[in-house]
Amino acid sequence: MRSLGPILGFAALALALVLGGLALHTGSGLRYVMWARPWWALAAVVPVLAVVLRAWRAPRPPTLRYSRVRTLRRVSGGWATRLVHLPDGLRLAAAVLLVAALARPQSTRSNDYVQHQGIDVVIVLDLSDSMETPDMIPNRLGAAQAVIDDFIRRRPRDRIGLVAFGSTASTVAPLTLDHGVLRTLMRRLRLGVMDGSTTAIGAGLGMALNRLEESTAESQVIVLLTDGVHNADGLDPDTAASQAASRGVTVYTVLIGRHGLDEGSIDPARLERIASITGGYAYTAVDREALQGSFQDLLDKLERSTIEGKPVHPELFQLLLWPALALLLLEVALRTTRLRRFP
């Protein structure tokens, strides 16, 4: 155990020199350090415990007997004898610095924010029973899902949410940048998951406005895709459109499917009015090609605004990593040259 003291002493000295150098390099910057993974500090126990166990289990060093004290005094240990435990101390200090680097020190003096260009979009999809009509391949809902999936794929910087409605409305996904999950949820939508006997366009718009309440983007858009007329109780679509206009939300409407001129199940004028009130545009898509063209035109019309993301703190781990590597190189150099041990 007599070697434990010198090893810990050399390790403490090396750490003190490194920290002193960092203090001179950064000035008062060390006061603005936070640790992203502080639990890694527990790993510092491992190298210290290894040194303690090694010192405890180390065999007793061999001895030489001298017949006269005068002869012993002539044997000079020199500086190499005093520094024999320096390599072990350097290795221990390097291990501690590496553990500290794994704890990810970060500077809190300046916060950078991830910014990206994009808008907040809520897609409102009709799940009424009429969406099963096979005038598109495979049907209106299937064609709409395919085109919406492509729309999401081509808007990687936008936060997009999804609302489905039939007789009532429900949030499928809130505003998110995790488009993989969003596209999966959208593709899993099936007719029958909610009552589709009537079409509550007003409820769908109202639910989309609720989702946009959490938005901080300058540009907020609702894309309403339906094949029918509002014929359910609850919020009136015109009232919802007025609320959207007062909040600066733009609504684009898409009427899909082939409908006869005398068919009473659609109301193109209302969809055009909803879009016009909010400064949007009303599309009509009688087939899948027209539906794709509508969404392509929509892609061209959508503006881009800057959305501020989470703060990102500058990483400081390299300030510990390089000194740790330097100590290891010095340890190897000493152990293989002047302080090399022979059995």
Protein backbone atom coordinates (compact mmCIF):
# COMPACT_ATOMS: atom_id res chain seq x y z
CA MET A 1 0.00 0.00 0.00
CA ARG A 2 3.04 2.32 0.25
CA SER A 3 2.77 3.09 -3.48
CA LEU A 4 -0.81 4.36 -3.18
CA GLY A 5 0.13 7.72 -1.71
CA PRO A 6 2.64 8.68 -4.43
CA ILE A 7 0.27 7.57 -7.23
CA LEU A 8 -2.63 9.61 -5.88
CA GLY A 9 -0.31 12.54 -5.27
CA PHE A 10 1.04 12.54 -8.83
CA ALA A 11 -2.52 12.17 -10.19
CA ALA A 12 -3.74 15.12 -8.11
CA LEU A 13 -0.78 17.21 -9.25
CA ALA A 14 -1.45 16.41 -12.91
CA LEU A 15 -5.14 17.26 -12.55
CA ALA A 16 -4.29 20.51 -10.78
CA LEU A 17 -1.93 21.51 -13.61
CA VAL A 18 -4.55 20.69 -16.26
CA LEU A 19 -7.31 22.61 -14.48
CA GLY A 20 -4.96 25.51 -13.88
CA GLY A 21 -4.13 25.60 -17.58
CA LEU A 22 -7.81 25.52 -18.46
CA ALA A 23 -8.49 28.38 -16.05
CA LEU A 24 -5.79 30.47 -17.72
CA HIS A 25 -7.09 29.56 -21.18
CA THR A 26 -10.76 30.28 -20.53
CA GLY A 27 -10.43 33.05 -17.95
CA SER A 28 -13.61 33.05 -15.88
CA GLY A 29 -15.30 30.68 -18.31
CA LEU A 30 -15.16 27.76 -15.88
CA ARG A 31 -17.94 29.41 -13.88
CA TYR A 32 -20.29 28.94 -16.82
CA VAL A 33 -19.93 25.18 -17.17
CA MET A 34 -22.83 22.74 -16.91
CA TRP A 35 -22.77 18.96 -17.27
CA ALA A 36 -25.17 17.33 -19.73
CA ARG A 37 -24.57 13.82 -18.32
CA PRO A 38 -23.45 14.30 -14.71
CA TRP A 39 -24.10 10.66 -13.81
CA TRP A 40 -20.92 9.75 -15.68
CA ALA A 41 -19.01 11.21 -12.71
CA LEU A 42 -19.73 7.95 -10.88
CA ALA A 43 -17.46 6.17 -13.37
CA ALA A 44 -14.46 8.00 -11.89
CA VAL A 45 -14.66 5.57 -8.98
CA VAL A 46 -13.55 2.72 -11.27
CA PRO A 47 -9.95 3.86 -12.03
CA VAL A 48 -9.42 5.03 -8.44
CA LEU A 49 -10.65 1.69 -7.09
CA ALA A 50 -8.41 -0.14 -9.55
CA VAL A 51 -5.36 1.75 -8.28
CA VAL A 52 -6.29 1.01 -4.67
CA LEU A 53 -6.79 -2.71 -5.33
CA ARG A 54 -3.55 -2.92 -7.27
CA ALA A 55 -1.59 -1.23 -4.48
CA TRP A 56 -3.22 -3.50 -1.89
CA ARG A 57 -2.52 -6.72 -3.79
CA ALA A 58 0.94 -5.75 -5.04
CA PRO A 59 3.69 -8.11 -3.78
CA ARG A 60 6.25 -6.81 -1.36
CA PRO A 61 9.25 -5.38 -3.27
CA PRO A 62 12.47 -7.44 -3.15
CA THR A 63 15.20 -6.37 -0.72
CA LEU A 64 18.95 -6.45 -0.77
CA ARG A 65 21.07 -6.95 2.33
CA TYR A 66 24.14 -4.86 2.98
CA SER A 67 26.75 -5.76 5.55
CA ARG A 68 27.79 -2.17 6.14
CA VAL A 69 25.74 1.02 6.39
CA ARG A 70 28.56 2.92 4.65
CA THR A 71 28.00 0.86 1.48
CA LEU A 72 24.25 1.51 1.55
CA ARG A 73 24.81 5.26 1.76
CA ARG A 74 26.84 5.17 -1.43
CA VAL A 75 23.82 3.84 -3.34
CA SER A 76 21.97 6.89 -4.64
CA GLY A 77 18.40 6.46 -5.81
CA GLY A 78 18.40 9.60 -7.99
CA TRP A 79 15.38 11.42 -9.37
CA ALA A 80 14.16 8.34 -11.28
CA THR A 81 13.60 6.53 -8.00
CA ARG A 82 11.49 9.39 -6.69
CA LEU A 83 9.39 9.47 -9.86
CA VAL A 84 8.89 5.74 -10.24
CA HIS A 85 5.13 6.06 -9.60
CA LEU A 86 4.65 9.05 -11.90
CA PRO A 87 3.41 6.99 -14.92
CA ASP A 88 0.69 5.40 -12.80
CA GLY A 89 -0.36 8.82 -11.53
CA LEU A 90 -0.51 10.19 -15.07
CA ARG A 91 -2.64 7.25 -16.17
CA LEU A 92 -5.06 7.77 -13.28
CA ALA A 93 -5.35 11.49 -14.03
CA ALA A 94 -6.01 10.75 -17.72
CA ALA A 95 -8.74 8.29 -16.78
CA VAL A 96 -10.45 10.89 -14.58
CA LEU A 97 -10.28 13.47 -17.37
CA LEU A 98 -11.79 11.02 -19.84
CA VAL A 99 -14.65 10.32 -17.45
CA ALA A 100 -15.20 14.07 -17.07
CA ALA A 101 -15.27 14.43 -20.87
CA LEU A 102 -17.93 11.71 -21.05
CA ALA A 103 -20.03 13.79 -18.65
CA ARG A 104 -20.23 16.35 -21.51
CA PRO A 105 -19.27 19.73 -20.06
CA GLN A 106 -21.10 22.55 -21.84
CA SER A 107 -20.86 26.31 -21.71
CA THR A 108 -23.88 28.26 -20.50
CA ARG A 109 -22.34 31.63 -21.26
CA SER A 110 -23.89 31.76 -24.75
CA ASN A 111 -26.94 29.84 -25.96
CA ASP A 112 -27.32 29.03 -29.63
CA TYR A 113 -30.75 28.11 -30.93
CA VAL A 114 -31.44 25.67 -33.71
CA GLN A 115 -33.40 27.55 -36.30
CA HIS A 116 -35.01 26.18 -39.40
CA GLN A 117 -37.18 27.55 -42.14
CA GLY A 118 -40.72 26.21 -42.05
CA ILE A 119 -44.37 26.76 -41.23
CA ASP A 120 -46.92 25.03 -39.03
CA VAL A 121 -49.46 23.02 -41.01
CA VAL A 122 -52.46 21.03 -39.80
CA ILE A 123 -53.99 18.63 -42.31
CA VAL A 124 -57.70 17.98 -41.78
CA LEU A 125 -58.77 14.71 -43.45
CA ASP A 126 -62.34 13.59 -44.07
CA LEU A 127 -63.12 10.04 -42.82
CA SER A 128 -66.82 10.04 -43.64
CA ASP A 129 -68.30 6.93 -45.27
CA SER A 130 -68.36 8.54 -48.73
CA MET A 131 -64.53 8.50 -48.80
CA GLU A 132 -64.81 4.81 -49.70
CA THR A 133 -66.13 5.72 -53.19
CA PRO A 134 -63.82 4.03 -55.77
CA ASP A 135 -63.72 6.87 -58.32
CA MET A 136 -60.03 7.13 -57.42
CA ILE A 137 -57.56 4.28 -57.02
CA PRO A 138 -58.05 2.47 -54.70
CA ASN A 139 -60.69 4.86 -53.31
CA ARG A 140 -60.90 8.49 -52.29
CA LEU A 141 -59.32 7.89 -48.88
CA GLY A 142 -56.48 5.77 -50.29
CA ALA A 143 -55.66 8.36 -52.95
CA ALA A 144 -55.75 11.15 -50.37
CA GLN A 145 -53.43 9.25 -48.03
CA ALA A 146 -50.89 8.67 -50.80
CA VAL A 147 -50.83 12.32 -51.83
CA ILE A 148 -50.70 13.57 -48.23
CA ASP A 149 -47.84 11.17 -47.51
CA ASP A 150 -45.87 12.65 -50.40
CA PHE A 151 -46.73 16.17 -49.21
CA ILE A 152 -45.34 15.42 -45.73
CA ARG A 153 -42.20 13.88 -47.22
CA ARG A 154 -41.54 17.00 -49.25
CA ARG A 155 -41.95 19.39 -46.29
CA PRO A 156 -39.14 18.18 -43.99
CA ARG A 157 -38.72 21.53 -42.23
CA ASP A 158 -42.37 22.10 -41.37
CA ARG A 159 -44.14 21.10 -38.20
CA ILE A 160 -47.21 19.19 -39.36
CA GLY A 161 -50.23 17.93 -37.44
CA LEU A 162 -53.11 15.71 -38.52
CA VAL A 163 -56.81 15.87 -37.65
CA ALA A 164 -59.43 13.37 -38.84
CA PHE A 165 -63.15 14.01 -38.84
CA GLY A 166 -66.43 12.31 -39.63
CA SER A 167 -69.44 13.05 -37.45
CA THR A 168 -66.90 14.28 -34.88
CA ALA A 169 -63.26 15.35 -35.05
CA SER A 170 -60.19 13.86 -33.40
CA THR A 171 -56.49 14.71 -33.28
CA VAL A 172 -54.38 11.98 -34.90
CA ALA A 173 -51.07 13.78 -34.34
CA PRO A 174 -50.21 17.20 -32.84
CA LEU A 175 -47.75 19.52 -34.55
CA THR A 176 -44.51 17.60 -34.89
CA LEU A 177 -41.24 17.40 -36.78
CA ASP A 178 -41.20 13.61 -36.35
CA HIS A 179 -42.59 12.99 -39.80
CA GLY A 180 -41.81 9.28 -39.68
CA VAL A 181 -44.33 8.73 -36.90
CA LEU A 182 -46.76 11.15 -38.51
CA ARG A 183 -46.70 9.33 -41.84
CA THR A 184 -47.17 5.98 -40.10
CA LEU A 185 -50.22 7.24 -38.20
CA MET A 186 -51.66 8.76 -41.36
CA ARG A 187 -51.24 5.54 -43.38
CA ARG A 188 -52.97 3.54 -40.63
CA LEU A 189 -56.18 5.57 -40.83
CA ARG A 190 -59.14 3.46 -41.88
CA LEU A 191 -62.81 4.14 -42.45
CA GLY A 192 -64.89 3.02 -39.50
CA VAL A 193 -62.50 4.17 -36.78
CA MET A 194 -65.03 6.93 -36.08
CA ASP A 195 -68.66 7.55 -36.95
CA GLY A 196 -68.67 8.54 -40.61
CA SER A 197 -72.41 8.82 -41.19
CA THR A 198 -72.19 12.62 -41.38
CA THR A 199 -69.52 15.18 -42.24
CA ALA A 200 -68.55 17.69 -39.55
CA ILE A 201 -66.30 20.09 -41.47
CA GLY A 202 -66.75 22.76 -38.78
CA ALA A 203 -65.57 20.40 -36.04
CA GLY A 204 -62.52 19.44 -38.11
CA LEU A 205 -61.56 23.09 -38.62
CA GLY A 206 -62.14 23.87 -34.95
CA MET A 207 -59.92 20.98 -33.86
CA ALA A 208 -57.18 22.17 -36.23
CA LEU A 209 -57.38 25.67 -34.75
CA ASN A 210 -56.97 24.15 -31.29
CA ARG A 211 -53.80 22.40 -32.43
CA LEU A 212 -52.42 25.67 -33.80
CA GLU A 213 -52.88 27.41 -30.44
CA GLU A 214 -49.49 26.03 -29.41
CA SER A 215 -47.83 27.35 -32.57
CA THR A 216 -45.30 30.19 -32.47
CA ALA A 217 -44.69 30.24 -36.23
CA GLU A 218 -45.56 33.35 -38.16
CA SER A 219 -47.20 31.28 -40.91
CA GLN A 220 -49.97 28.90 -39.82
CA VAL A 221 -51.91 26.88 -42.37
CA ILE A 222 -54.83 24.45 -42.37
CA VAL A 223 -55.31 22.09 -45.33
CA LEU A 224 -58.88 20.76 -45.42
CA LEU A 225 -59.49 17.71 -47.61
CA THR A 226 -63.09 16.52 -47.96
CA ASP A 227 -65.51 15.03 -50.47
CA GLY A 228 -68.75 16.20 -48.89
CA VAL A 229 -70.87 18.95 -47.46
CA HIS A 230 -71.11 19.96 -43.81
CA ASN A 231 -74.22 18.19 -42.51
CA ALA A 232 -73.46 17.57 -38.82
CA ASP A 233 -74.30 19.43 -35.65
CA GLY A 234 -71.75 21.57 -33.89
CA LEU A 235 -69.44 24.35 -35.03
CA ASP A 236 -70.42 25.97 -38.31
CA PRO A 237 -67.60 25.98 -40.93
CA ASP A 238 -68.11 29.68 -41.70
CA THR A 239 -67.74 30.53 -38.01
CA ALA A 240 -64.56 28.44 -37.85
CA ALA A 241 -63.25 30.21 -40.96
CA SER A 242 -63.90 33.59 -39.35
CA GLN A 243 -62.00 32.51 -36.25
CA ALA A 244 -59.10 31.34 -38.42
CA ALA A 245 -59.04 34.65 -40.30
CA SER A 246 -58.98 36.62 -37.03
CA ARG A 247 -55.97 34.61 -35.88
CA GLY A 248 -54.10 34.93 -39.17
CA VAL A 249 -54.51 31.24 -40.06
CA THR A 250 -54.78 30.48 -43.79
CA VAL A 251 -57.11 27.68 -44.87
CA TYR A 252 -56.73 25.79 -48.14
CA THR A 253 -59.59 23.50 -49.13
CA VAL A 254 -59.51 20.49 -51.46
CA LEU A 255 -62.76 18.96 -52.75
CA ILE A 256 -62.02 15.48 -54.10
CA GLY A 257 -64.07 13.03 -56.14
CA ARG A 258 -66.34 13.08 -59.18
CA HIS A 259 -69.66 14.67 -58.34
CA GLY A 260 -72.67 15.33 -60.55
CA LEU A 261 -73.79 18.89 -61.10
CA ASP A 262 -77.09 18.22 -59.39
CA GLU A 263 -75.61 16.26 -56.51
CA GLY A 264 -76.58 17.72 -53.17
CA SER A 265 -73.78 16.05 -51.20
CA ILE A 266 -71.23 18.78 -51.98
CA ASP A 267 -71.06 22.53 -51.45
CA PRO A 268 -68.13 23.94 -53.46
CA ALA A 269 -69.28 27.49 -52.80
CA ARG A 270 -68.85 27.05 -49.03
CA LEU A 271 -65.35 25.61 -49.44
CA GLU A 272 -64.43 28.53 -51.69
CA ARG A 273 -65.84 30.93 -49.09
CA ILE A 274 -63.83 29.32 -46.29
CA ALA A 275 -60.63 29.64 -48.30
CA SER A 276 -61.40 33.18 -49.45
CA ILE A 277 -62.14 34.47 -45.94
CA THR A 278 -58.73 33.30 -44.71
CA GLY A 279 -56.73 34.28 -47.78
CA GLY A 280 -56.33 30.70 -48.98
CA TYR A 281 -57.36 28.90 -52.13
CA ALA A 282 -60.00 26.29 -52.96
CA TYR A 283 -59.01 23.31 -55.13
CA THR A 284 -61.16 20.74 -56.88
CA ALA A 285 -59.67 17.33 -57.71
CA VAL A 286 -61.76 14.90 -59.76
CA ASP A 287 -58.98 12.32 -60.10
CA ARG A 288 -55.66 11.41 -58.53
CA GLU A 289 -53.61 13.43 -61.04
CA ALA A 290 -55.66 16.53 -60.24
CA LEU A 291 -55.24 15.83 -56.52
CA GLN A 292 -51.47 15.61 -56.92
CA GLY A 293 -51.51 18.82 -58.94
CA SER A 294 -53.50 20.57 -56.23
CA PHE A 295 -50.97 19.65 -53.56
CA GLN A 296 -48.08 20.60 -55.85
CA ASP A 297 -49.60 24.04 -56.31
CA LEU A 298 -50.13 24.18 -52.56
CA LEU A 299 -46.43 23.41 -52.01
CA ASP A 300 -45.52 26.32 -54.26
CA LYS A 301 -47.88 28.72 -52.46
CA LEU A 302 -46.83 27.98 -48.88
CA GLU A 303 -44.53 30.56 -47.35
CA ARG A 304 -41.58 29.83 -45.11
CA SER A 305 -40.94 31.40 -41.74
CA THR A 306 -38.20 30.95 -39.18
CA ILE A 307 -39.03 28.61 -36.29
CA GLU A 308 -36.77 28.77 -33.25
CA GLY A 309 -35.91 25.39 -31.81
CA LYS A 310 -34.32 24.20 -28.59
CA PRO A 311 -31.21 25.91 -27.16
CA VAL A 312 -27.89 24.26 -27.92
CA HIS A 313 -24.97 24.84 -25.55
CA PRO A 314 -21.40 24.78 -26.95
CA GLU A 315 -19.59 21.55 -26.09
CA LEU A 316 -16.40 21.75 -23.99
CA PHE A 317 -15.43 18.07 -23.80
CA GLN A 318 -12.45 18.62 -26.10
CA LEU A 319 -10.84 20.81 -23.43
CA LEU A 320 -10.59 17.68 -21.26
CA LEU A 321 -10.04 15.11 -24.00
CA TRP A 322 -6.83 16.57 -25.40
CA PRO A 323 -5.09 16.93 -22.00
CA ALA A 324 -6.11 13.34 -21.19
CA LEU A 325 -4.50 12.09 -24.42
CA ALA A 326 -1.40 14.18 -23.69
CA LEU A 327 -1.06 12.61 -20.23
CA LEU A 328 -1.41 9.12 -21.71
CA LEU A 329 1.29 9.83 -24.30
CA LEU A 330 3.59 11.18 -21.58
CA GLU A 331 2.88 8.11 -19.44
CA VAL A 332 3.79 5.75 -22.30
CA ALA A 333 6.95 7.74 -23.08
CA LEU A 334 8.17 7.64 -19.44
CA ARG A 335 7.24 4.00 -18.96
CA THR A 336 9.18 2.91 -22.04
CA THR A 337 12.30 5.05 -21.48
CA ARG A 338 13.85 6.44 -18.31
CA LEU A 339 11.24 5.07 -15.89
CA ARG A 340 11.05 1.67 -17.46
CA ARG A 341 10.87 -1.15 -14.94
CA PHE A 342 12.75 -4.38 -15.20
CA PRO A 343 11.66 -7.55 -13.42
